[in-house]
């Protein structure tokens, strides 16, 4: 089983617009779709679509927290959350033909130190039946910046693989605990090393620096250009086929979810990358976040180009 961690979960509201957006005007939404949001919950839906057993965990609170759990029940995603006193946040994604995707992300309620400590105490029991743990996204106010590093160490001590997808100080501290995989994008790589990436050679150089910390898989997201992976077998560059992109939100989460499934199935490293890129590409072809058509994925997977550098 795979456990996905989302500490800063949200009710995601997708607003689909069919008219021209005018600032300062009342705008009518053509249709709206609510989903249990947060990067780790996108990962959970992808894992389920890939055919693996999954459960979701993290913090939820208030009426929105209850609604989030109800939405996960509808999606068929088992969950084991720590309930907190605050209210789970909402995030809005406005989708229209002119601007594409525009997101408004609330910061989230504040978590007390007591609530954080209680979650850390519960964490080993929550993940005991899982072989792979994914930890994704930001943290709510009040949570310590080393919480991901703590969770990585707990899971590793229990013999679990841990995939970490975050940024900034959370990534910097998390790397020191040596998770199984990290997945920064180019901007996050620049932030981590305080440098400016000028080309693929720089991407390789700094990805190798992360690999040298003792992290088995380092994946650098390259957006529409695919992803680069550094592992013990070498350096691989994966490029997706050209497709009609509908919604890129959740593509990185799709890559994490597919990677977790492929790792669980002991797929060879270069094929793990191929599968992860194929699922992420199929996600970009769906209007829904953290969603893809398995038939489309099967059709395009052989069109993903994997090149050893």
Protein backbone atom coordinates (compact mmCIF):
# COMPACT_ATOMS: atom_id res chain seq x y z
CA UNK A 1 0.00 0.00 0.00
CA UNK A 2 1.00 3.63 -0.58
CA UNK A 3 0.27 6.38 1.96
CA UNK A 4 0.11 9.97 0.73
CA UNK A 5 0.68 12.84 3.17
CA UNK A 6 -1.03 16.22 2.72
CA UNK A 7 -0.53 18.51 5.70
CA UNK A 8 -2.07 21.56 3.99
CA UNK A 9 -5.15 19.98 2.41
CA UNK A 10 -7.89 22.08 0.84
CA UNK A 11 -11.26 22.13 -0.84
CA UNK A 12 -10.26 22.80 -4.45
CA UNK A 13 -12.80 24.71 -6.50
CA UNK A 14 -12.37 24.67 -10.28
CA UNK A 15 -14.29 27.53 -11.92
CA UNK A 16 -14.87 27.00 -15.65
CA UNK A 17 -15.49 30.27 -17.49
CA UNK A 18 -17.06 30.58 -20.95
CA UNK A 19 -17.02 34.36 -21.29
CA UNK A 20 -14.35 37.06 -21.42
CA UNK A 21 -12.99 37.87 -17.95
CA UNK A 22 -13.16 41.56 -17.07
CA UNK A 23 -11.47 42.89 -13.95
CA UNK A 24 -13.79 44.74 -11.58
CA UNK A 25 -16.90 43.14 -13.05
CA UNK A 26 -19.28 40.49 -11.72
CA UNK A 27 -18.34 37.28 -13.53
CA UNK A 28 -20.68 34.31 -13.89
CA UNK A 29 -19.09 30.87 -13.58
CA UNK A 30 -20.26 28.47 -16.30
CA UNK A 31 -19.67 25.40 -14.12
CA UNK A 32 -17.87 24.50 -10.91
CA UNK A 33 -16.18 21.33 -9.72
CA UNK A 34 -15.21 20.76 -6.06
CA UNK A 35 -12.59 18.20 -5.10
CA UNK A 36 -10.50 17.16 -2.11
CA UNK A 37 -7.37 19.15 -2.84
CA UNK A 38 -3.76 19.43 -1.89
CA UNK A 39 -0.80 17.90 -3.68
CA UNK A 40 -0.82 14.66 -1.71
CA UNK A 41 -4.51 14.08 -2.43
CA UNK A 42 -3.85 14.53 -6.14
CA UNK A 43 -1.16 11.89 -5.71
CA UNK A 44 -3.65 9.58 -3.96
CA UNK A 45 -6.14 9.78 -6.82
CA UNK A 46 -3.39 9.02 -9.34
CA UNK A 47 -2.21 6.01 -7.33
CA UNK A 48 -5.77 4.66 -7.26
CA UNK A 49 -6.17 5.19 -11.02
CA UNK A 50 -2.88 3.33 -11.55
CA UNK A 51 -4.42 0.36 -9.78
CA UNK A 52 -2.55 0.38 -6.46
CA UNK A 53 -3.93 0.44 -2.92
CA UNK A 54 -3.69 3.85 -1.29
CA UNK A 55 -4.64 5.81 1.84
CA UNK A 56 -4.46 9.54 2.54
CA UNK A 57 -3.35 11.26 5.73
CA UNK A 58 -2.53 14.75 7.03
CA UNK A 59 -4.47 17.51 8.82
CA UNK A 60 -8.15 18.39 8.33
CA UNK A 61 -10.47 20.54 10.40
CA UNK A 62 -13.88 22.18 10.65
CA UNK A 63 -16.80 21.90 8.22
CA UNK A 64 -14.47 22.02 5.23
CA UNK A 65 -12.50 19.13 6.73
CA UNK A 66 -15.65 17.02 6.99
CA UNK A 67 -16.57 17.95 3.42
CA UNK A 68 -13.07 17.01 2.24
CA UNK A 69 -13.36 13.57 3.82
CA UNK A 70 -16.80 13.13 2.21
CA UNK A 71 -15.32 14.01 -1.19
CA UNK A 72 -12.57 11.42 -0.67
CA UNK A 73 -15.23 8.85 0.20
CA UNK A 74 -16.91 9.61 -3.14
CA UNK A 75 -13.53 9.17 -4.87
CA UNK A 76 -13.03 5.85 -3.07
CA UNK A 77 -9.86 7.06 -1.29
CA UNK A 78 -9.46 5.63 2.26
CA UNK A 79 -8.17 8.21 4.73
CA UNK A 80 -6.76 8.53 8.23
CA UNK A 81 -6.43 12.23 9.09
CA UNK A 82 -5.48 14.06 12.25
CA UNK A 83 -8.45 16.33 13.05
CA UNK A 84 -7.53 19.85 14.20
CA UNK A 85 -9.47 22.79 15.64
CA UNK A 86 -8.94 25.10 12.64
CA UNK A 87 -10.84 25.14 9.35
CA UNK A 88 -9.46 23.40 6.27
CA UNK A 89 -8.68 25.98 3.58
CA UNK A 90 -10.22 26.46 0.12
CA UNK A 91 -8.30 27.06 -3.11
CA UNK A 92 -9.71 28.33 -6.41
CA UNK A 93 -8.55 27.52 -9.93
CA UNK A 94 -10.10 29.70 -12.65
CA UNK A 95 -10.01 28.06 -16.09
CA UNK A 96 -10.76 30.08 -19.21
CA UNK A 97 -9.74 30.09 -22.87
CA UNK A 98 -7.81 33.38 -22.80
CA UNK A 99 -5.70 33.01 -19.65
CA UNK A 100 -5.69 29.26 -19.11
CA UNK A 101 -5.34 28.38 -15.42
CA UNK A 102 -5.22 31.02 -12.65
CA UNK A 103 -4.98 29.78 -9.06
CA UNK A 104 -5.86 31.51 -5.78
CA UNK A 105 -4.44 29.56 -2.84
CA UNK A 106 -5.45 30.23 0.77
CA UNK A 107 -2.64 29.86 3.34
CA UNK A 108 -4.45 27.39 5.60
CA UNK A 109 -5.39 27.45 9.28
CA UNK A 110 -2.80 27.51 12.06
CA UNK A 111 -1.80 24.18 13.60
CA UNK A 112 -0.86 24.15 17.28
CA UNK A 113 2.36 22.55 18.53
CA UNK A 114 0.21 20.05 20.44
CA UNK A 115 -1.64 19.04 17.25
CA UNK A 116 1.66 18.66 15.40
CA UNK A 117 3.12 16.48 18.18
CA UNK A 118 0.02 14.30 18.23
CA UNK A 119 0.26 13.72 14.48
CA UNK A 120 3.96 12.75 14.72
CA UNK A 121 3.07 10.28 17.49
CA UNK A 122 0.30 8.78 15.33
CA UNK A 123 2.38 8.69 12.13
CA UNK A 124 4.11 5.30 12.67
CA UNK A 125 0.77 3.60 13.24
CA UNK A 126 -0.78 5.31 10.21
CA UNK A 127 1.94 4.09 7.81
CA UNK A 128 2.62 0.67 9.32
CA UNK A 129 0.92 -1.24 6.47
CA UNK A 130 2.41 0.85 3.66
CA UNK A 131 5.63 0.17 1.77
CA UNK A 132 5.86 3.64 0.19
CA UNK A 133 5.10 7.06 1.68
CA UNK A 134 4.71 10.22 -0.38
CA UNK A 135 5.01 13.63 1.29
CA UNK A 136 3.86 16.57 -0.80
CA UNK A 137 3.38 20.31 -0.79
CA UNK A 138 3.40 23.09 1.77
CA UNK A 139 2.66 23.11 5.48
CA UNK A 140 0.06 25.12 7.43
CA UNK A 141 0.97 28.00 9.71
CA UNK A 142 2.41 26.91 13.05
CA UNK A 143 3.99 23.68 11.80
CA UNK A 144 7.77 23.37 12.30
CA UNK A 145 9.96 23.52 9.20
CA UNK A 146 11.63 20.20 10.05
CA UNK A 147 8.41 18.15 10.18
CA UNK A 148 9.08 16.53 6.80
CA UNK A 149 12.63 15.66 7.83
CA UNK A 150 11.21 14.02 10.98
CA UNK A 151 8.65 12.05 8.98
CA UNK A 152 11.27 10.85 6.49
CA UNK A 153 13.43 9.51 9.33
CA UNK A 154 10.46 7.79 11.01
CA UNK A 155 9.41 6.09 7.77
CA UNK A 156 12.95 5.06 6.85
CA UNK A 157 13.47 3.54 10.30
CA UNK A 158 10.39 1.42 9.61
CA UNK A 159 11.85 0.25 6.29
CA UNK A 160 9.63 2.39 4.05
CA UNK A 161 10.48 4.18 0.80
CA UNK A 162 9.76 7.93 1.07
CA UNK A 163 9.11 10.28 -1.86
CA UNK A 164 9.40 13.98 -0.97
CA UNK A 165 7.92 16.69 -3.20
CA UNK A 166 8.23 20.12 -1.61
CA UNK A 167 10.33 23.29 -1.85
CA UNK A 168 12.30 25.90 0.06
CA UNK A 169 13.36 25.23 3.64
CA UNK A 170 11.18 22.11 3.80
CA UNK A 171 13.11 20.59 0.88
CA UNK A 172 16.47 21.74 2.22
CA UNK A 173 15.90 20.10 5.60
CA UNK A 174 14.17 17.07 4.09
CA UNK A 175 17.13 16.30 1.83
CA UNK A 176 19.34 15.90 4.90
CA UNK A 177 17.15 12.97 6.01
CA UNK A 178 17.82 11.26 2.64
CA UNK A 179 14.39 10.27 1.32
CA UNK A 180 14.19 7.74 -1.50
CA UNK A 181 13.25 10.40 -4.05
CA UNK A 182 12.94 14.17 -4.34
CA UNK A 183 11.33 16.05 -7.25
CA UNK A 184 12.20 19.75 -7.44
CA UNK A 185 11.56 21.75 -10.60
CA UNK A 186 14.10 24.16 -12.10
CA UNK A 187 12.89 27.13 -10.04
CA UNK A 188 13.09 25.10 -6.82
CA UNK A 189 16.57 23.90 -7.80
CA UNK A 190 17.67 27.50 -8.26
CA UNK A 191 16.18 28.44 -4.90
CA UNK A 192 17.86 25.51 -3.18
CA UNK A 193 21.36 26.32 -4.44
CA UNK A 194 20.98 30.10 -4.89
CA UNK A 195 21.99 29.87 -8.54
CA UNK A 196 20.54 30.52 -12.01
CA UNK A 197 20.03 27.50 -14.28
CA UNK A 198 21.33 28.31 -17.78
CA UNK A 199 20.91 24.95 -19.50
CA UNK A 200 20.55 21.20 -19.15
CA UNK A 201 24.20 20.91 -18.06
CA UNK A 202 23.42 23.00 -14.98
CA UNK A 203 20.34 20.90 -14.26
CA UNK A 204 22.48 17.74 -14.35
CA UNK A 205 25.23 19.29 -12.22
CA UNK A 206 22.94 20.35 -9.38
CA UNK A 207 20.78 17.23 -9.56
CA UNK A 208 23.97 15.23 -9.02
CA UNK A 209 24.76 17.39 -5.98
CA UNK A 210 21.44 16.32 -4.46
CA UNK A 211 22.10 12.69 -5.45
CA UNK A 212 25.44 12.89 -3.63
CA UNK A 213 23.57 13.48 -0.35
CA UNK A 214 22.63 9.80 -0.59
CA UNK A 215 19.23 10.14 -2.27
CA UNK A 216 18.63 7.21 -4.66
CA UNK A 217 16.38 9.07 -7.14
CA UNK A 218 16.54 12.76 -8.00
CA UNK A 219 13.95 13.92 -10.53
CA UNK A 220 13.98 17.46 -11.91
CA UNK A 221 10.70 18.54 -13.49
CA UNK A 222 11.23 20.37 -16.78
CA UNK A 223 7.61 21.28 -17.53
CA UNK A 224 6.58 20.56 -21.12
CA UNK A 225 10.14 19.30 -21.80
CA UNK A 226 9.61 16.34 -19.45
CA UNK A 227 11.96 15.44 -16.62
CA UNK A 228 15.55 14.54 -15.84
CA UNK A 229 16.41 11.73 -13.43
CA UNK A 230 19.69 10.97 -11.66
CA UNK A 231 20.01 7.52 -10.08
CA UNK A 232 22.67 4.85 -9.59
CA UNK A 233 22.10 3.61 -13.16
CA UNK A 234 23.00 7.03 -14.56
CA UNK A 235 21.36 10.19 -15.86
CA UNK A 236 18.17 9.89 -17.93
CA UNK A 237 16.22 12.54 -19.81
CA UNK A 238 12.57 11.80 -20.49
CA UNK A 239 10.61 13.79 -23.09
CA UNK A 240 6.82 13.54 -23.51
CA UNK A 241 5.02 13.36 -26.85
CA UNK A 242 3.29 16.45 -28.21
CA UNK A 243 -0.33 16.41 -27.04
CA UNK A 244 -3.24 18.82 -26.69
CA UNK A 245 -2.81 20.26 -23.20
CA UNK A 246 -6.03 21.03 -21.31
CA UNK A 247 -4.96 21.58 -17.68
CA UNK A 248 -1.40 21.36 -16.32
CA UNK A 249 -2.43 21.62 -12.64
CA UNK A 250 -1.51 18.38 -10.89
CA UNK A 251 1.01 17.14 -13.47
CA UNK A 252 3.83 17.11 -10.93
CA UNK A 253 1.62 15.26 -8.45
CA UNK A 254 0.73 12.77 -11.18
CA UNK A 255 4.42 12.13 -11.73
CA UNK A 256 4.93 11.45 -8.01
CA UNK A 257 1.95 9.10 -7.84
CA UNK A 258 3.03 7.15 -10.92
CA UNK A 259 6.62 6.99 -9.64
CA UNK A 260 5.39 5.56 -6.32
CA UNK A 261 3.34 2.89 -8.12
CA UNK A 262 6.23 1.98 -10.44
CA UNK A 263 8.63 1.77 -7.50
CA UNK A 264 6.17 -0.46 -5.63
CA UNK A 265 6.08 -2.75 -8.68
CA UNK A 266 9.91 -2.89 -8.92
CA UNK A 267 9.96 -1.49 -12.45
CA UNK A 268 13.49 -0.69 -13.82
CA UNK A 269 14.64 2.90 -13.28
CA UNK A 270 14.44 4.12 -16.89
CA UNK A 271 10.95 2.62 -17.22
CA UNK A 272 9.88 4.25 -13.95
CA UNK A 273 10.65 7.60 -15.57
CA UNK A 274 8.80 6.65 -18.76
CA UNK A 275 5.71 5.62 -16.82
CA UNK A 276 5.77 8.73 -14.61
CA UNK A 277 6.02 11.06 -17.63
CA UNK A 278 3.26 9.19 -19.50
CA UNK A 279 0.87 9.52 -16.55
CA UNK A 280 1.75 13.21 -16.07
CA UNK A 281 1.18 13.84 -19.78
CA UNK A 282 -2.19 12.06 -19.68
CA UNK A 283 -3.09 14.22 -16.65
CA UNK A 284 -2.38 17.36 -18.73
CA UNK A 285 -4.96 16.11 -21.24
CA UNK A 286 -7.71 15.95 -18.58
CA UNK A 287 -9.84 18.87 -17.36
CA UNK A 288 -9.73 17.45 -13.82
CA UNK A 289 -6.81 17.81 -11.40
CA UNK A 290 -5.12 14.58 -10.34
CA UNK A 291 -6.90 12.60 -13.03
CA UNK A 292 -6.07 10.77 -16.25
CA UNK A 293 -7.54 8.30 -18.70
CA UNK A 294 -5.61 4.99 -18.37
CA UNK A 295 -6.40 4.18 -22.02
CA UNK A 296 -4.77 7.42 -23.17
CA UNK A 297 -1.76 6.68 -20.96
CA UNK A 298 -1.35 3.26 -22.57
CA UNK A 299 -1.54 4.82 -26.04
CA UNK A 300 1.15 7.45 -25.42
CA UNK A 301 3.58 5.64 -23.13
CA UNK A 302 5.68 4.24 -26.00
CA UNK A 303 5.92 7.76 -27.43
CA UNK A 304 7.76 8.97 -24.32
CA UNK A 305 11.41 9.27 -25.32
CA UNK A 306 13.93 8.16 -22.69
CA UNK A 307 17.53 9.06 -23.41
CA UNK A 308 20.57 8.22 -21.30
CA UNK A 309 22.93 11.21 -21.04
